[in-house]
Amino acid sequence: MEEAPGREVVEPVVVERVSTDRGELVLRRVGAHHEVISNGVFLMDTRHGRSERLLVDTALGLHEDPDQVLIGGLGVGFSLVAALADPRVELVTVVEIEPALVAWHTSHLAAYSGHALEDPRVEVVVGDLAEHLGDAGGRYDVVCLDVDNGPDWTVTESNAWLYGDEGSALVVGSLRDWGVLAVWSAHASPAYEERLGLHLAEVHVIEVPVARGEPDVLYVGRNLG
């Protein structure tokens, strides 16, 4: 594809490359921004984070007293910062499977998450989200999931289970009565929306326009217990 006349092409610069149990994870810089790439597949960047922040803001807005919040997937920190901005939140548990990504928030990504990992209200769990949810047992008021690119585009194959029938039941089971679940997806997934309707009441679908391609999609619902 030819670039528009006068438009400068900025080549990505690899900042750090690590090998993990799930393959290769790369942090690269493109101009003033950073991107995270897993096994050659784009995961996230620092350009705006509108839908990630809206994911959390919408979920918190539907709960009267969201003192216990779980965020599945640290990303570049937009969701965590949004959760901490709500004074009602007493504890945010962040479950992130990649220790390198957590470490980057003490260096390359610290400016984007505002050193949020140092907030005393934050608990970081480096591990598998499904395992953590299995021990949660109705602990959380709000659960926000931003794992891979959504239900139909999982970079890590094992994460697909989270969006299936058993995984969805496990996620909902981690909520207290009247708890709120919010899930981020890179595009619409009618099958997942229908599945959530079997486990949650009042499932809402929010489309967030993006600069290119299909809109990001947020699925938000309430656990009536």
C-alpha atoms as a PDB file:
ATOM      1  CA  MET A   1       0.000   0.000   0.000  1.00  0.00           C
ATOM      2  CA  GLU A   2       1.371   3.399  -0.984  1.00  0.00           C
ATOM      3  CA  GLU A   3       1.630   6.052   1.688  1.00  0.00           C
ATOM      4  CA  ALA A   4      -0.125   9.375   1.192  1.00  0.00           C
ATOM      5  CA  PRO A   5       2.173  12.100  -0.164  1.00  0.00           C
ATOM      6  CA  GLY A   6       3.964  13.948   2.592  1.00  0.00           C
ATOM      7  CA  ARG A   7       3.074  11.372   5.249  1.00  0.00           C
ATOM      8  CA  GLU A   8       6.077  10.242   7.243  1.00  0.00           C
ATOM      9  CA  VAL A   9       6.393   6.501   7.806  1.00  0.00           C
ATOM     10  CA  VAL A  10       7.547   5.713  11.337  1.00  0.00           C
ATOM     11  CA  GLU A  11       9.228   2.344  11.655  1.00  0.00           C
ATOM     12  CA  PRO A  12       8.675   0.353  14.866  1.00  0.00           C
ATOM     13  CA  VAL A  13      11.639   0.019  17.208  1.00  0.00           C
ATOM     14  CA  VAL A  14      11.847  -3.061  19.433  1.00  0.00           C
ATOM     15  CA  VAL A  15      12.267  -1.944  23.040  1.00  0.00           C
ATOM     16  CA  GLU A  16      12.283  -5.381  24.610  1.00  0.00           C
ATOM     17  CA  ARG A  17      11.694  -8.948  23.463  1.00  0.00           C
ATOM     18  CA  VAL A  18      11.077 -11.847  25.871  1.00  0.00           C
ATOM     19  CA  SER A  19      10.324 -15.545  25.553  1.00  0.00           C
ATOM     20  CA  THR A  20       7.461 -16.818  27.706  1.00  0.00           C
ATOM     21  CA  ASP A  21       5.653 -20.101  28.233  1.00  0.00           C
ATOM     22  CA  ARG A  22       3.110 -18.828  25.714  1.00  0.00           C
ATOM     23  CA  GLY A  23       5.641 -17.734  23.094  1.00  0.00           C
ATOM     24  CA  GLU A  24       7.286 -14.425  22.244  1.00  0.00           C
ATOM     25  CA  LEU A  25       6.189 -11.130  23.776  1.00  0.00           C
ATOM     26  CA  VAL A  26       7.500  -7.915  22.251  1.00  0.00           C
ATOM     27  CA  LEU A  27       7.287  -4.328  23.421  1.00  0.00           C
ATOM     28  CA  ARG A  28       8.007  -1.899  20.619  1.00  0.00           C
ATOM     29  CA  ARG A  29       7.924   1.853  20.188  1.00  0.00           C
ATOM     30  CA  VAL A  30       6.302   3.585  17.215  1.00  0.00           C
ATOM     31  CA  GLY A  31       6.908   7.297  17.376  1.00  0.00           C
ATOM     32  CA  ALA A  32       5.670   8.510  20.760  1.00  0.00           C
ATOM     33  CA  HIS A  33       3.683   5.355  21.504  1.00  0.00           C
ATOM     34  CA  HIS A  34       4.262   1.768  22.564  1.00  0.00           C
ATOM     35  CA  GLU A  35       2.725  -1.465  21.274  1.00  0.00           C
ATOM     36  CA  VAL A  36       2.614  -4.966  22.725  1.00  0.00           C
ATOM     37  CA  ILE A  37       2.851  -7.851  20.264  1.00  0.00           C
ATOM     38  CA  SER A  38       2.307 -11.517  21.181  1.00  0.00           C
ATOM     39  CA  ASN A  39       3.634 -14.139  18.763  1.00  0.00           C
ATOM     40  CA  GLY A  40       3.455 -11.606  15.949  1.00  0.00           C
ATOM     41  CA  VAL A  41      -0.151 -10.598  16.730  1.00  0.00           C
ATOM     42  CA  PHE A  42      -0.959  -7.054  17.826  1.00  0.00           C
ATOM     43  CA  LEU A  43      -2.480  -6.963  21.325  1.00  0.00           C
ATOM     44  CA  MET A  44      -2.592  -3.349  22.519  1.00  0.00           C
ATOM     45  CA  ASP A  45      -1.036   0.081  22.319  1.00  0.00           C
ATOM     46  CA  THR A  46      -0.855   3.346  24.239  1.00  0.00           C
ATOM     47  CA  ARG A  47      -2.526   5.588  21.669  1.00  0.00           C
ATOM     48  CA  HIS A  48      -5.851   6.376  23.343  1.00  0.00           C
ATOM     49  CA  GLY A  49      -7.483   3.619  25.454  1.00  0.00           C
ATOM     50  CA  ARG A  50     -10.983   5.047  25.131  1.00  0.00           C
ATOM     51  CA  SER A  51     -12.773   1.689  25.078  1.00  0.00           C
ATOM     52  CA  GLU A  52     -10.624   0.254  27.894  1.00  0.00           C
ATOM     53  CA  ARG A  53     -11.500   3.168  30.164  1.00  0.00           C
ATOM     54  CA  LEU A  54     -15.163   3.025  29.154  1.00  0.00           C
ATOM     55  CA  LEU A  55     -15.214  -0.684  30.015  1.00  0.00           C
ATOM     56  CA  VAL A  56     -14.402   0.113  33.634  1.00  0.00           C
ATOM     57  CA  ASP A  57     -16.360   3.353  33.912  1.00  0.00           C
ATOM     58  CA  THR A  58     -19.537   1.671  32.644  1.00  0.00           C
ATOM     59  CA  ALA A  59     -19.214  -1.290  35.001  1.00  0.00           C
ATOM     60  CA  LEU A  60     -18.530   0.882  38.034  1.00  0.00           C
ATOM     61  CA  GLY A  61     -21.407   3.164  37.095  1.00  0.00           C
ATOM     62  CA  LEU A  62     -23.847   0.245  37.289  1.00  0.00           C
ATOM     63  CA  HIS A  63     -22.872  -0.686  40.847  1.00  0.00           C
ATOM     64  CA  GLU A  64     -23.888   1.201  43.979  1.00  0.00           C
ATOM     65  CA  ASP A  65     -20.855   0.207  46.060  1.00  0.00           C
ATOM     66  CA  PRO A  66     -18.037  -1.319  43.964  1.00  0.00           C
ATOM     67  CA  ASP A  67     -15.406  -1.705  46.663  1.00  0.00           C
ATOM     68  CA  GLN A  68     -13.904  -4.988  45.334  1.00  0.00           C
ATOM     69  CA  VAL A  69     -12.879  -4.918  41.658  1.00  0.00           C
ATOM     70  CA  LEU A  70     -11.109  -7.511  39.513  1.00  0.00           C
ATOM     71  CA  ILE A  71      -9.362  -6.590  36.273  1.00  0.00           C
ATOM     72  CA  GLY A  72      -8.390  -9.505  34.081  1.00  0.00           C
ATOM     73  CA  GLY A  73      -5.446  -8.383  31.971  1.00  0.00           C
ATOM     74  CA  LEU A  74      -3.187  -5.465  32.900  1.00  0.00           C
ATOM     75  CA  GLY A  75      -2.623  -4.239  29.357  1.00  0.00           C
ATOM     76  CA  VAL A  76      -1.017  -0.806  29.215  1.00  0.00           C
ATOM     77  CA  GLY A  77      -2.812   0.246  32.390  1.00  0.00           C
ATOM     78  CA  PHE A  78      -5.783   2.262  31.090  1.00  0.00           C
ATOM     79  CA  SER A  79      -8.357   0.059  32.848  1.00  0.00           C
ATOM     80  CA  LEU A  80      -6.477   0.072  36.142  1.00  0.00           C
ATOM     81  CA  VAL A  81      -6.143   3.852  36.170  1.00  0.00           C
ATOM     82  CA  ALA A  82      -9.875   4.199  35.465  1.00  0.00           C
ATOM     83  CA  ALA A  83     -10.752   1.910  38.379  1.00  0.00           C
ATOM     84  CA  LEU A  84      -8.528   3.779  40.816  1.00  0.00           C
ATOM     85  CA  ALA A  85     -10.138   7.076  39.832  1.00  0.00           C
ATOM     86  CA  ASP A  86     -13.365   5.954  41.530  1.00  0.00           C
ATOM     87  CA  PRO A  87     -13.124   6.820  45.265  1.00  0.00           C
ATOM     88  CA  ARG A  88     -15.599   4.049  46.147  1.00  0.00           C
ATOM     89  CA  VAL A  89     -13.117   1.359  45.089  1.00  0.00           C
ATOM     90  CA  GLU A  90     -11.206  -0.098  48.033  1.00  0.00           C
ATOM     91  CA  LEU A  91      -9.259  -2.867  46.280  1.00  0.00           C
ATOM     92  CA  VAL A  92      -8.390  -3.575  42.658  1.00  0.00           C
ATOM     93  CA  THR A  93      -7.034  -7.052  41.978  1.00  0.00           C
ATOM     94  CA  VAL A  94      -5.216  -7.234  38.649  1.00  0.00           C
ATOM     95  CA  VAL A  95      -4.560 -10.699  37.245  1.00  0.00           C
ATOM     96  CA  GLU A  96      -1.879 -10.750  34.546  1.00  0.00           C
ATOM     97  CA  ILE A  97      -0.202 -13.894  33.300  1.00  0.00           C
ATOM     98  CA  GLU A  98       2.888 -12.241  31.805  1.00  0.00           C
ATOM     99  CA  PRO A  99       5.458 -11.140  34.417  1.00  0.00           C
ATOM    100  CA  ALA A 100       7.317  -9.154  31.731  1.00  0.00           C
ATOM    101  CA  LEU A 101       4.257  -6.988  31.120  1.00  0.00           C
ATOM    102  CA  VAL A 102       3.979  -6.268  34.842  1.00  0.00           C
ATOM    103  CA  ALA A 103       7.677  -5.372  34.933  1.00  0.00           C
ATOM    104  CA  TRP A 104       7.293  -2.963  32.006  1.00  0.00           C
ATOM    105  CA  HIS A 105       4.917  -0.928  34.168  1.00  0.00           C
ATOM    106  CA  THR A 106       7.843  -0.092  36.410  1.00  0.00           C
ATOM    107  CA  SER A 107       9.843   1.168  33.417  1.00  0.00           C
ATOM    108  CA  HIS A 108       8.688   1.669  29.811  1.00  0.00           C
ATOM    109  CA  LEU A 109       4.933   1.798  30.527  1.00  0.00           C
ATOM    110  CA  ALA A 110       5.028   3.596  33.879  1.00  0.00           C
ATOM    111  CA  ALA A 111       4.046   6.908  32.306  1.00  0.00           C
ATOM    112  CA  TYR A 112       0.800   5.420  30.958  1.00  0.00           C
ATOM    113  CA  SER A 113      -0.320   3.665  34.131  1.00  0.00           C
ATOM    114  CA  GLY A 114       0.831   6.570  36.307  1.00  0.00           C
ATOM    115  CA  HIS A 115       2.746   4.260  38.651  1.00  0.00           C
ATOM    116  CA  ALA A 116      -0.651   2.790  39.583  1.00  0.00           C
ATOM    117  CA  LEU A 117       0.940  -0.486  40.674  1.00  0.00           C
ATOM    118  CA  GLU A 118       2.347   1.400  43.651  1.00  0.00           C
ATOM    119  CA  ASP A 119      -1.142   2.385  44.868  1.00  0.00           C
ATOM    120  CA  PRO A 120      -1.892   0.568  48.176  1.00  0.00           C
ATOM    121  CA  ARG A 121      -5.337  -0.340  46.819  1.00  0.00           C
ATOM    122  CA  VAL A 122      -3.784  -2.475  44.064  1.00  0.00           C
ATOM    123  CA  GLU A 123      -3.080  -6.189  44.344  1.00  0.00           C
ATOM    124  CA  VAL A 124      -1.237  -7.724  41.374  1.00  0.00           C
ATOM    125  CA  VAL A 125      -1.579 -11.469  40.820  1.00  0.00           C
ATOM    126  CA  VAL A 126       0.870 -12.851  38.268  1.00  0.00           C
ATOM    127  CA  GLY A 127      -0.821 -16.002  37.108  1.00  0.00           C
ATOM    128  CA  ASP A 128      -3.599 -17.666  35.169  1.00  0.00           C
ATOM    129  CA  LEU A 129      -6.942 -15.872  35.319  1.00  0.00           C
ATOM    130  CA  ALA A 130      -9.024 -19.058  35.243  1.00  0.00           C
ATOM    131  CA  GLU A 131      -7.153 -20.444  38.244  1.00  0.00           C
ATOM    132  CA  HIS A 132      -7.675 -17.210  40.155  1.00  0.00           C
ATOM    133  CA  LEU A 133     -11.375 -17.136  39.329  1.00  0.00           C
ATOM    134  CA  GLY A 134     -11.716 -20.704  40.551  1.00  0.00           C
ATOM    135  CA  ASP A 135     -10.722 -19.527  44.028  1.00  0.00           C
ATOM    136  CA  ALA A 136     -12.687 -16.253  43.967  1.00  0.00           C
ATOM    137  CA  GLY A 137     -16.063 -17.643  45.039  1.00  0.00           C
ATOM    138  CA  GLY A 138     -18.329 -14.601  44.848  1.00  0.00           C
ATOM    139  CA  ARG A 139     -15.700 -12.156  46.036  1.00  0.00           C
ATOM    140  CA  TYR A 140     -15.988  -9.290  43.563  1.00  0.00           C
ATOM    141  CA  ASP A 141     -18.487  -6.488  43.032  1.00  0.00           C
ATOM    142  CA  VAL A 142     -17.164  -5.742  39.556  1.00  0.00           C
ATOM    143  CA  VAL A 143     -15.166  -7.901  37.138  1.00  0.00           C
ATOM    144  CA  CYS A 144     -13.659  -6.361  33.980  1.00  0.00           C
ATOM    145  CA  LEU A 145     -12.091  -8.707  31.444  1.00  0.00           C
ATOM    146  CA  ASP A 146      -9.747  -7.552  28.691  1.00  0.00           C
ATOM    147  CA  VAL A 147      -8.061 -10.810  27.757  1.00  0.00           C
ATOM    148  CA  ASP A 148      -6.421 -11.168  24.339  1.00  0.00           C
ATOM    149  CA  ASN A 149      -8.610  -9.579  21.650  1.00  0.00           C
ATOM    150  CA  GLY A 150     -11.953 -10.915  22.835  1.00  0.00           C
ATOM    151  CA  PRO A 151     -14.121 -14.059  22.571  1.00  0.00           C
ATOM    152  CA  ASP A 152     -13.421 -14.879  18.929  1.00  0.00           C
ATOM    153  CA  TRP A 153      -9.791 -13.764  18.665  1.00  0.00           C
ATOM    154  CA  THR A 154      -7.693 -15.278  21.418  1.00  0.00           C
ATOM    155  CA  VAL A 155      -3.946 -15.067  20.891  1.00  0.00           C
ATOM    156  CA  THR A 156      -3.361 -17.573  23.700  1.00  0.00           C
ATOM    157  CA  GLU A 157      -5.352 -20.677  22.835  1.00  0.00           C
ATOM    158  CA  SER A 158      -6.178 -21.591  26.436  1.00  0.00           C
ATOM    159  CA  ASN A 159      -7.961 -18.273  26.935  1.00  0.00           C
ATOM    160  CA  ALA A 160     -10.744 -19.384  24.580  1.00  0.00           C
ATOM    161  CA  TRP A 161     -12.083 -21.504  27.433  1.00  0.00           C
ATOM    162  CA  LEU A 162     -12.879 -18.373  29.449  1.00  0.00           C
ATOM    163  CA  TYR A 163     -15.425 -17.316  26.843  1.00  0.00           C
ATOM    164  CA  GLY A 164     -17.139 -20.706  26.587  1.00  0.00           C
ATOM    165  CA  ASP A 165     -20.027 -22.015  28.695  1.00  0.00           C
ATOM    166  CA  GLU A 166     -17.887 -23.303  31.580  1.00  0.00           C
ATOM    167  CA  GLY A 167     -15.612 -20.285  31.576  1.00  0.00           C
ATOM    168  CA  SER A 168     -18.502 -17.847  31.502  1.00  0.00           C
ATOM    169  CA  ALA A 169     -20.127 -19.624  34.435  1.00  0.00           C
ATOM    170  CA  LEU A 170     -16.840 -19.422  36.338  1.00  0.00           C
ATOM    171  CA  VAL A 171     -16.470 -15.696  35.668  1.00  0.00           C
ATOM    172  CA  VAL A 172     -20.028 -14.965  36.780  1.00  0.00           C
ATOM    173  CA  GLY A 173     -19.490 -17.167  39.829  1.00  0.00           C
ATOM    174  CA  SER A 174     -16.729 -14.829  40.985  1.00  0.00           C
ATOM    175  CA  LEU A 175     -19.286 -12.024  41.352  1.00  0.00           C
ATOM    176  CA  ARG A 176     -21.256 -11.149  44.441  1.00  0.00           C
ATOM    177  CA  ASP A 177     -25.027 -10.821  44.127  1.00  0.00           C
ATOM    178  CA  TRP A 178     -25.817  -7.774  41.974  1.00  0.00           C
ATOM    179  CA  GLY A 179     -22.208  -7.763  40.793  1.00  0.00           C
ATOM    180  CA  VAL A 180     -21.361  -6.417  37.336  1.00  0.00           C
ATOM    181  CA  LEU A 181     -19.343  -8.100  34.588  1.00  0.00           C
ATOM    182  CA  ALA A 182     -17.834  -6.111  31.706  1.00  0.00           C
ATOM    183  CA  VAL A 183     -15.968  -7.768  28.830  1.00  0.00           C
ATOM    184  CA  TRP A 184     -13.908  -6.100  26.083  1.00  0.00           C
ATOM    185  CA  SER A 185     -13.837  -7.419  22.521  1.00  0.00           C
ATOM    186  CA  ALA A 186     -12.121  -6.240  19.349  1.00  0.00           C
ATOM    187  CA  HIS A 187     -15.324  -6.896  17.391  1.00  0.00           C
ATOM    188  CA  ALA A 188     -18.898  -8.069  17.849  1.00  0.00           C
ATOM    189  CA  SER A 189     -19.546 -11.672  18.895  1.00  0.00           C
ATOM    190  CA  PRO A 190     -23.277 -12.513  18.740  1.00  0.00           C
ATOM    191  CA  ALA A 191     -22.647 -16.035  20.028  1.00  0.00           C
ATOM    192  CA  TYR A 192     -20.862 -14.693  23.112  1.00  0.00           C
ATOM    193  CA  GLU A 193     -23.600 -12.132  23.713  1.00  0.00           C
ATOM    194  CA  GLU A 194     -26.163 -14.936  23.653  1.00  0.00           C
ATOM    195  CA  ARG A 195     -24.037 -17.018  26.020  1.00  0.00           C
ATOM    196  CA  LEU A 196     -23.757 -14.185  28.528  1.00  0.00           C
ATOM    197  CA  GLY A 197     -27.530 -13.858  28.443  1.00  0.00           C
ATOM    198  CA  LEU A 198     -27.749 -17.341  29.932  1.00  0.00           C
ATOM    199  CA  HIS A 199     -25.676 -16.282  32.945  1.00  0.00           C
ATOM    200  CA  LEU A 200     -26.448 -12.593  33.447  1.00  0.00           C
ATOM    201  CA  ALA A 201     -29.423 -10.269  33.458  1.00  0.00           C
ATOM    202  CA  GLU A 202     -29.569  -6.984  31.593  1.00  0.00           C
ATOM    203  CA  VAL A 203     -26.735  -7.636  29.136  1.00  0.00           C
ATOM    204  CA  HIS A 204     -25.867  -4.430  27.292  1.00  0.00           C
ATOM    205  CA  VAL A 205     -23.751  -4.131  24.144  1.00  0.00           C
ATOM    206  CA  ILE A 206     -21.772  -0.923  23.646  1.00  0.00           C
ATOM    207  CA  GLU A 207     -19.949  -0.204  20.392  1.00  0.00           C
ATOM    208  CA  VAL A 208     -16.957   2.132  20.517  1.00  0.00           C
ATOM    209  CA  PRO A 209     -15.865   3.511  17.120  1.00  0.00           C
ATOM    210  CA  VAL A 210     -12.176   3.240  16.247  1.00  0.00           C
ATOM    211  CA  ALA A 211     -10.070   4.972  13.627  1.00  0.00           C
ATOM    212  CA  ARG A 212      -9.926   1.929  11.361  1.00  0.00           C
ATOM    213  CA  GLY A 213     -11.938  -1.260  11.045  1.00  0.00           C
ATOM    214  CA  GLU A 214     -14.793  -2.579  13.135  1.00  0.00           C
ATOM    215  CA  PRO A 215     -15.695  -0.852  16.403  1.00  0.00           C
ATOM    216  CA  ASP A 216     -14.537  -2.204  19.737  1.00  0.00           C
ATOM    217  CA  VAL A 217     -17.405  -3.860  21.593  1.00  0.00           C
ATOM    218  CA  LEU A 218     -18.165  -3.950  25.323  1.00  0.00           C
ATOM    219  CA  TYR A 219     -20.492  -6.516  26.885  1.00  0.00           C
ATOM    220  CA  VAL A 220     -21.852  -5.484  30.284  1.00  0.00           C
ATOM    221  CA  GLY A 221     -24.298  -7.406  32.484  1.00  0.00           C
ATOM    222  CA  ARG A 222     -25.422  -7.882  36.057  1.00  0.00           C
ATOM    223  CA  ASN A 223     -25.431 -10.979  38.265  1.00  0.00           C
ATOM    224  CA  LEU A 224     -28.766 -11.155  40.068  1.00  0.00           C
ATOM    225  CA  GLY A 225     -27.626 -14.052  42.268  1.00  0.00           C
END
